[in-house]
């Protein structure tokens, strides 16, 4: 288990022991709620020393308490990552939109795909000539 997950678990337990919400910790530490939440979720790798000092002060603990004697959190402390199915679906949808904008892909022989149906009045195989002066 990575260090960020261990710090996350320690941060969660210290915050719960202090009876504070993430918002209260963020305000006391003068940090964003987003940063505090990411740290508690273990999604913020390598936090700055100044961030750890601010969090310790906000929680009313010594700075070392956030990082000393770190132990791995219980297996169920962090939910498993969700499957990336929703990202695959989003990519597929984006690809369909893109192909609608730029047209069909070229054929395997490298030539552009055949044009769509001819406009009314166009005769296949004949080109219109411009009249000269």
C-alpha atoms as a PDB file:
ATOM      1  CA  UNK A   1       0.000   0.000   0.000  1.00  0.00           C
ATOM      2  CA  UNK A   2       1.369   3.403  -0.940  1.00  0.00           C
ATOM      3  CA  UNK A   3       2.342   6.182   1.392  1.00  0.00           C
ATOM      4  CA  UNK A   4      -0.526   8.391   0.188  1.00  0.00           C
ATOM      5  CA  UNK A   5      -3.071   5.754   1.320  1.00  0.00           C
ATOM      6  CA  UNK A   6      -1.376   5.470   4.702  1.00  0.00           C
ATOM      7  CA  UNK A   7      -1.389   9.243   5.196  1.00  0.00           C
ATOM      8  CA  UNK A   8      -5.006   9.301   4.010  1.00  0.00           C
ATOM      9  CA  UNK A   9      -6.031   6.763   6.620  1.00  0.00           C
ATOM     10  CA  UNK A  10      -4.127   8.622   9.370  1.00  0.00           C
ATOM     11  CA  UNK A  11      -5.737  11.905   8.319  1.00  0.00           C
ATOM     12  CA  UNK A  12      -9.219  10.340   8.384  1.00  0.00           C
ATOM     13  CA  UNK A  13      -8.734   8.847  11.830  1.00  0.00           C
ATOM     14  CA  UNK A  14      -7.251  12.034  13.336  1.00  0.00           C
ATOM     15  CA  UNK A  15     -10.061  14.143  11.854  1.00  0.00           C
ATOM     16  CA  UNK A  16     -12.710  11.762  13.180  1.00  0.00           C
ATOM     17  CA  UNK A  17     -11.054  11.760  16.624  1.00  0.00           C
ATOM     18  CA  UNK A  18     -11.109  15.570  16.618  1.00  0.00           C
ATOM     19  CA  UNK A  19     -14.795  15.528  15.622  1.00  0.00           C
ATOM     20  CA  UNK A  20     -14.223  17.783  12.623  1.00  0.00           C
ATOM     21  CA  UNK A  21     -15.618  17.750   9.102  1.00  0.00           C
ATOM     22  CA  UNK A  22     -13.402  17.977   6.043  1.00  0.00           C
ATOM     23  CA  UNK A  23     -14.712  21.523   5.527  1.00  0.00           C
ATOM     24  CA  UNK A  24     -13.735  22.544   9.062  1.00  0.00           C
ATOM     25  CA  UNK A  25     -10.248  21.077   8.648  1.00  0.00           C
ATOM     26  CA  UNK A  26      -9.840  22.852   5.302  1.00  0.00           C
ATOM     27  CA  UNK A  27     -10.899  26.195   6.790  1.00  0.00           C
ATOM     28  CA  UNK A  28      -8.664  25.828   9.862  1.00  0.00           C
ATOM     29  CA  UNK A  29      -5.671  24.813   7.720  1.00  0.00           C
ATOM     30  CA  UNK A  30      -6.445  27.476   5.098  1.00  0.00           C
ATOM     31  CA  UNK A  31      -6.493  24.780   2.421  1.00  0.00           C
ATOM     32  CA  UNK A  32      -9.097  23.964  -0.190  1.00  0.00           C
ATOM     33  CA  UNK A  33     -11.779  21.422   0.609  1.00  0.00           C
ATOM     34  CA  UNK A  34     -10.809  19.670  -2.611  1.00  0.00           C
ATOM     35  CA  UNK A  35      -7.228  19.158  -1.397  1.00  0.00           C
ATOM     36  CA  UNK A  36      -8.339  17.816   1.982  1.00  0.00           C
ATOM     37  CA  UNK A  37     -10.792  15.425   0.303  1.00  0.00           C
ATOM     38  CA  UNK A  38      -8.171  14.196  -2.187  1.00  0.00           C
ATOM     39  CA  UNK A  39      -5.705  13.597   0.622  1.00  0.00           C
ATOM     40  CA  UNK A  40      -8.265  11.608   2.608  1.00  0.00           C
ATOM     41  CA  UNK A  41      -9.027   9.522  -0.471  1.00  0.00           C
ATOM     42  CA  UNK A  42      -5.348   8.807  -1.028  1.00  0.00           C
ATOM     43  CA  UNK A  43      -5.412  10.560  -4.396  1.00  0.00           C
ATOM     44  CA  UNK A  44      -2.833  13.217  -3.518  1.00  0.00           C
ATOM     45  CA  UNK A  45       0.677  11.837  -3.783  1.00  0.00           C
ATOM     46  CA  UNK A  46       3.606  13.621  -2.172  1.00  0.00           C
ATOM     47  CA  UNK A  47       1.871  16.414  -0.248  1.00  0.00           C
ATOM     48  CA  UNK A  48       3.988  19.451   0.531  1.00  0.00           C
ATOM     49  CA  UNK A  49       5.515  19.773   3.973  1.00  0.00           C
ATOM     50  CA  UNK A  50       3.629  23.051   4.421  1.00  0.00           C
ATOM     51  CA  UNK A  51       0.357  21.205   3.738  1.00  0.00           C
ATOM     52  CA  UNK A  52       1.141  18.550   6.353  1.00  0.00           C
ATOM     53  CA  UNK A  53       2.097  21.245   8.887  1.00  0.00           C
ATOM     54  CA  UNK A  54      -1.154  23.133   8.239  1.00  0.00           C
ATOM     55  CA  UNK A  55      -3.224  19.943   8.594  1.00  0.00           C
ATOM     56  CA  UNK A  56      -1.502  19.009  11.838  1.00  0.00           C
ATOM     57  CA  UNK A  57      -2.186  22.476  13.276  1.00  0.00           C
ATOM     58  CA  UNK A  58      -5.830  22.303  12.151  1.00  0.00           C
ATOM     59  CA  UNK A  59      -6.226  18.894  13.828  1.00  0.00           C
ATOM     60  CA  UNK A  60      -4.434  19.979  16.979  1.00  0.00           C
ATOM     61  CA  UNK A  61      -1.705  17.335  16.744  1.00  0.00           C
ATOM     62  CA  UNK A  62       2.067  17.366  16.411  1.00  0.00           C
ATOM     63  CA  UNK A  63       3.155  17.355  12.755  1.00  0.00           C
ATOM     64  CA  UNK A  64       4.910  14.035  13.254  1.00  0.00           C
ATOM     65  CA  UNK A  65       1.652  12.345  14.219  1.00  0.00           C
ATOM     66  CA  UNK A  66       0.517  12.552  10.610  1.00  0.00           C
ATOM     67  CA  UNK A  67       3.467  10.577   9.324  1.00  0.00           C
ATOM     68  CA  UNK A  68       5.176   8.626  12.099  1.00  0.00           C
ATOM     69  CA  UNK A  69       4.514   4.924  12.561  1.00  0.00           C
ATOM     70  CA  UNK A  70       2.250   4.749   9.556  1.00  0.00           C
ATOM     71  CA  UNK A  71       0.449   1.458   9.167  1.00  0.00           C
ATOM     72  CA  UNK A  72      -1.543   0.138   6.278  1.00  0.00           C
ATOM     73  CA  UNK A  73      -5.251   0.866   6.549  1.00  0.00           C
ATOM     74  CA  UNK A  74      -7.779  -1.978   6.715  1.00  0.00           C
ATOM     75  CA  UNK A  75      -8.724  -3.554   3.388  1.00  0.00           C
ATOM     76  CA  UNK A  76     -12.159  -1.881   3.301  1.00  0.00           C
ATOM     77  CA  UNK A  77     -10.916   1.632   4.174  1.00  0.00           C
ATOM     78  CA  UNK A  78     -10.809   2.692   0.517  1.00  0.00           C
ATOM     79  CA  UNK A  79     -13.275   1.452  -2.093  1.00  0.00           C
ATOM     80  CA  UNK A  80     -11.785  -0.310  -5.090  1.00  0.00           C
ATOM     81  CA  UNK A  81     -11.392   1.729  -8.244  1.00  0.00           C
ATOM     82  CA  UNK A  82     -14.395   1.591 -10.520  1.00  0.00           C
ATOM     83  CA  UNK A  83     -14.055  -0.103 -13.847  1.00  0.00           C
ATOM     84  CA  UNK A  84     -13.106   2.112 -16.722  1.00  0.00           C
ATOM     85  CA  UNK A  85     -16.229   1.149 -18.671  1.00  0.00           C
ATOM     86  CA  UNK A  86     -17.688   4.643 -18.473  1.00  0.00           C
ATOM     87  CA  UNK A  87     -14.494   6.082 -19.983  1.00  0.00           C
ATOM     88  CA  UNK A  88     -14.594   3.556 -22.814  1.00  0.00           C
ATOM     89  CA  UNK A  89     -18.203   4.457 -23.553  1.00  0.00           C
ATOM     90  CA  UNK A  90     -17.337   8.157 -23.545  1.00  0.00           C
ATOM     91  CA  UNK A  91     -14.472   7.556 -25.988  1.00  0.00           C
ATOM     92  CA  UNK A  92     -16.739   5.545 -28.263  1.00  0.00           C
ATOM     93  CA  UNK A  93     -19.353   8.306 -28.226  1.00  0.00           C
ATOM     94  CA  UNK A  94     -16.696  10.942 -28.921  1.00  0.00           C
ATOM     95  CA  UNK A  95     -15.389   8.870 -31.838  1.00  0.00           C
ATOM     96  CA  UNK A  96     -18.876   8.673 -33.356  1.00  0.00           C
ATOM     97  CA  UNK A  97     -19.314  12.437 -33.066  1.00  0.00           C
ATOM     98  CA  UNK A  98     -15.894  13.031 -34.601  1.00  0.00           C
ATOM     99  CA  UNK A  99     -16.547  10.708 -37.544  1.00  0.00           C
ATOM    100  CA  UNK A 100     -19.853  12.468 -38.165  1.00  0.00           C
ATOM    101  CA  UNK A 101     -17.980  15.767 -38.431  1.00  0.00           C
ATOM    102  CA  UNK A 102     -15.052  14.656 -40.584  1.00  0.00           C
ATOM    103  CA  UNK A 103     -16.770  12.029 -42.689  1.00  0.00           C
ATOM    104  CA  UNK A 104     -16.006   8.376 -43.342  1.00  0.00           C
ATOM    105  CA  UNK A 105     -12.532   6.954 -42.965  1.00  0.00           C
ATOM    106  CA  UNK A 106     -10.508   6.188 -46.110  1.00  0.00           C
ATOM    107  CA  UNK A 107     -10.766   2.712 -47.561  1.00  0.00           C
ATOM    108  CA  UNK A 108      -8.006   0.202 -46.809  1.00  0.00           C
ATOM    109  CA  UNK A 109      -6.261   0.936 -50.137  1.00  0.00           C
ATOM    110  CA  UNK A 110      -5.633   4.507 -48.959  1.00  0.00           C
ATOM    111  CA  UNK A 111      -8.083   6.189 -51.326  1.00  0.00           C
ATOM    112  CA  UNK A 112     -10.878   8.321 -49.945  1.00  0.00           C
ATOM    113  CA  UNK A 113     -14.198   6.581 -49.549  1.00  0.00           C
ATOM    114  CA  UNK A 114     -16.660   6.946 -52.394  1.00  0.00           C
ATOM    115  CA  UNK A 115     -18.598  10.221 -52.300  1.00  0.00           C
ATOM    116  CA  UNK A 116     -22.198  10.253 -51.223  1.00  0.00           C
ATOM    117  CA  UNK A 117     -25.121  10.324 -53.673  1.00  0.00           C
ATOM    118  CA  UNK A 118     -24.837  12.795 -56.515  1.00  0.00           C
ATOM    119  CA  UNK A 119     -26.739  16.040 -56.286  1.00  0.00           C
ATOM    120  CA  UNK A 120     -29.807  16.402 -58.471  1.00  0.00           C
ATOM    121  CA  UNK A 121     -28.893  17.469 -61.976  1.00  0.00           C
ATOM    122  CA  UNK A 122     -25.398  16.004 -61.877  1.00  0.00           C
ATOM    123  CA  UNK A 123     -24.753  13.337 -64.457  1.00  0.00           C
ATOM    124  CA  UNK A 124     -22.322  10.656 -63.458  1.00  0.00           C
ATOM    125  CA  UNK A 125     -19.142  10.528 -65.531  1.00  0.00           C
ATOM    126  CA  UNK A 126     -19.572  13.946 -67.150  1.00  0.00           C
ATOM    127  CA  UNK A 127     -17.963  17.142 -66.030  1.00  0.00           C
ATOM    128  CA  UNK A 128     -19.544  20.504 -66.524  1.00  0.00           C
ATOM    129  CA  UNK A 129     -17.567  22.734 -68.844  1.00  0.00           C
ATOM    130  CA  UNK A 130     -17.192  26.418 -68.453  1.00  0.00           C
ATOM    131  CA  UNK A 131     -17.931  28.440 -71.501  1.00  0.00           C
ATOM    132  CA  UNK A 132     -14.967  30.330 -72.881  1.00  0.00           C
ATOM    133  CA  UNK A 133     -15.051  33.948 -74.133  1.00  0.00           C
END
